[in-house]
C-alpha atoms as a PDB file:
ATOM      1  CA  MET A   1      45.661  -1.034-123.156  1.00  0.00           C
ATOM      2  CA  PRO A   2      49.483  -1.023-122.753  1.00  0.00           C
ATOM      3  CA  PHE A   3      49.427  -4.729-123.609  1.00  0.00           C
ATOM      4  CA  LEU A   4      47.819  -3.989-126.974  1.00  0.00           C
ATOM      5  CA  ILE A   5      50.385  -1.283-127.729  1.00  0.00           C
ATOM      6  CA  VAL A   6      53.287  -3.629-126.982  1.00  0.00           C
ATOM      7  CA  LEU A   7      51.648  -6.443-128.934  1.00  0.00           C
ATOM      8  CA  SER A   8      51.121  -4.158-131.928  1.00  0.00           C
ATOM      9  CA  ALA A   9      54.746  -2.992-131.817  1.00  0.00           C
ATOM     10  CA  VAL A  10      56.052  -6.566-131.683  1.00  0.00           C
ATOM     11  CA  LEU A  11      53.732  -7.598-134.511  1.00  0.00           C
ATOM     12  CA  LEU A  12      54.926  -4.667-136.617  1.00  0.00           C
ATOM     13  CA  VAL A  13      58.588  -5.584-136.049  1.00  0.00           C
ATOM     14  CA  VAL A  14      57.939  -9.225-136.994  1.00  0.00           C
ATOM     15  CA  VAL A  15      56.061  -8.262-140.167  1.00  0.00           C
ATOM     16  CA  VAL A  16      58.761  -5.790-141.264  1.00  0.00           C
ATOM     17  CA  PHE A  17      61.467  -8.387-140.577  1.00  0.00           C
ATOM     18  CA  ALA A  18      59.549 -11.045-142.490  1.00  0.00           C
ATOM     19  CA  LEU A  19      58.944  -8.819-145.494  1.00  0.00           C
ATOM     20  CA  GLN A  20      62.597  -7.791-145.710  1.00  0.00           C
ATOM     21  CA  ASN A  21      63.783 -11.427-145.600  1.00  0.00           C
ATOM     22  CA  SER A  22      61.872 -13.171-148.355  1.00  0.00           C
ATOM     23  CA  GLN A  23      64.582 -15.544-149.630  1.00  0.00           C
ATOM     24  CA  ALA A  24      63.879 -19.271-149.731  1.00  0.00           C
ATOM     25  CA  VAL A  25      65.054 -21.391-146.806  1.00  0.00           C
ATOM     26  CA  THR A  26      64.884 -25.083-145.984  1.00  0.00           C
ATOM     27  CA  VAL A  27      63.631 -26.066-142.551  1.00  0.00           C
ATOM     28  CA  ARG A  28      64.499 -29.571-141.334  1.00  0.00           C
ATOM     29  CA  PHE A  29      62.872 -31.129-138.282  1.00  0.00           C
ATOM     30  CA  LEU A  30      63.337 -34.826-137.534  1.00  0.00           C
ATOM     31  CA  TYR A  31      62.257 -36.525-140.778  1.00  0.00           C
ATOM     32  CA  TRP A  32      60.440 -33.562-142.290  1.00  0.00           C
ATOM     33  CA  GLN A  33      61.942 -31.093-144.696  1.00  0.00           C
ATOM     34  CA  ILE A  34      60.066 -27.985-145.825  1.00  0.00           C
ATOM     35  CA  GLN A  35      61.235 -25.329-148.246  1.00  0.00           C
ATOM     36  CA  SER A  36      59.536 -21.963-147.898  1.00  0.00           C
ATOM     37  CA  SER A  37      60.282 -18.256-147.755  1.00  0.00           C
ATOM     38  CA  LEU A  38      61.857 -16.930-144.605  1.00  0.00           C
ATOM     39  CA  ALA A  39      58.859 -14.615-144.203  1.00  0.00           C
ATOM     40  CA  VAL A  40      56.462 -17.557-143.910  1.00  0.00           C
ATOM     41  CA  VAL A  41      58.790 -19.412-141.535  1.00  0.00           C
ATOM     42  CA  THR A  42      59.183 -16.325-139.330  1.00  0.00           C
ATOM     43  CA  ILE A  43      55.456 -15.650-139.138  1.00  0.00           C
ATOM     44  CA  ALA A  44      54.702 -19.349-138.505  1.00  0.00           C
ATOM     45  CA  ALA A  45      57.288 -19.517-135.695  1.00  0.00           C
ATOM     46  CA  THR A  46      55.938 -16.330-134.117  1.00  0.00           C
ATOM     47  CA  THR A  47      52.375 -17.631-134.325  1.00  0.00           C
ATOM     48  CA  ALA A  48      53.394 -20.955-132.760  1.00  0.00           C
ATOM     49  CA  GLY A  49      55.167 -19.113-129.944  1.00  0.00           C
ATOM     50  CA  VAL A  50      52.144 -16.936-129.249  1.00  0.00           C
ATOM     51  CA  LEU A  51      49.838 -19.978-129.187  1.00  0.00           C
ATOM     52  CA  ILE A  52      52.118 -21.923-126.830  1.00  0.00           C
ATOM     53  CA  ALA A  53      52.469 -18.915-124.506  1.00  0.00           C
ATOM     54  CA  GLY A  54      48.691 -18.493-124.594  1.00  0.00           C
ATOM     55  CA  LEU A  55      48.156 -22.115-123.607  1.00  0.00           C
ATOM     56  CA  PHE A  56      50.518 -21.802-120.658  1.00  0.00           C
ATOM     57  CA  GLY A  57      48.889 -18.527-119.640  1.00  0.00           C
ATOM     58  CA  SER A  58      45.424 -20.064-119.844  1.00  0.00           C
ATOM     59  CA  ALA A  59      46.495 -23.057-117.771  1.00  0.00           C
ATOM     60  CA  SER A  60      47.953 -20.759-115.115  1.00  0.00           C
ATOM     61  CA  ARG A  61      44.821 -18.622-115.091  1.00  0.00           C
ATOM     62  CA  LEU A  62      42.602 -21.717-114.772  1.00  0.00           C
ATOM     63  CA  TRP A  63      44.708 -23.038-111.882  1.00  0.00           C
ATOM     64  CA  ARG A  64      44.460 -19.703-110.036  1.00  0.00           C
ATOM     65  CA  TRP A  65      40.698 -19.540-110.682  1.00  0.00           C
ATOM     66  CA  LYS A  66      40.162 -23.037-109.271  1.00  0.00           C
ATOM     67  CA  ARG A  67      42.317 -22.265-106.250  1.00  0.00           C
ATOM     68  CA  GLY A  68      40.379 -19.059-105.571  1.00  0.00           C
ATOM     69  CA  ARG A  69      37.066 -20.839-105.987  1.00  0.00           C
ATOM     70  CA  ALA A  70      38.109 -23.523-103.486  1.00  0.00           C
ATOM     71  CA  ALA A  71      39.224 -20.853-101.013  1.00  0.00           C
ATOM     72  CA  LYS A  72      35.870 -19.061-101.312  1.00  0.00           C
ATOM     73  CA  ALA A  73      33.989 -22.319-100.748  1.00  0.00           C
ATOM     74  CA  GLU A  74      36.083 -23.061 -97.665  1.00  0.00           C
ATOM     75  CA  ALA A  75      35.493 -19.543 -96.326  1.00  0.00           C
ATOM     76  CA  ARG A  76      31.731 -19.969 -96.699  1.00  0.00           C
ATOM     77  CA  SER A  77      31.651 -23.299 -94.887  1.00  0.00           C
ATOM     78  CA  GLY A  78      34.024 -22.165 -92.152  1.00  0.00           C
ATOM     79  CA  PRO A  79      36.949 -24.048 -90.646  1.00  0.00           C
ATOM     80  CA  PRO A  80      36.573 -27.764 -90.024  1.00  0.00           C
ATOM     81  CA  SER A  81      34.928 -28.502 -86.674  1.00  0.00           C
ATOM     82  CA  ARG A  82      36.390 -30.685 -83.935  1.00  0.00           C
ATOM     83  CA  ASP A  83      33.435 -32.463 -82.347  1.00  0.00           C
ATOM     84  CA  GLY A  84      35.477 -35.068 -80.508  1.00  0.00           C
ATOM     85  CA  ALA A  85      37.816 -32.664 -78.667  1.00  0.00           C
END
């Protein structure tokens, strides 16, 4: 629940900032050049940041899930036996 409150506050700040800065800007990246309002550029950059953070978060969560699953499987089978000792 606190996560949703913080997310809503950040979203509100971004939207207010974008709406107050509606002048046209030119964005250049490598060979591309795009002219758009600063509001669209701000919202697009925020969205891209959220998606990239989500991908990294999902990868971390998947890694922890696999590690936990392997640990549970090892706990079920027990420690490796030493027959030759």
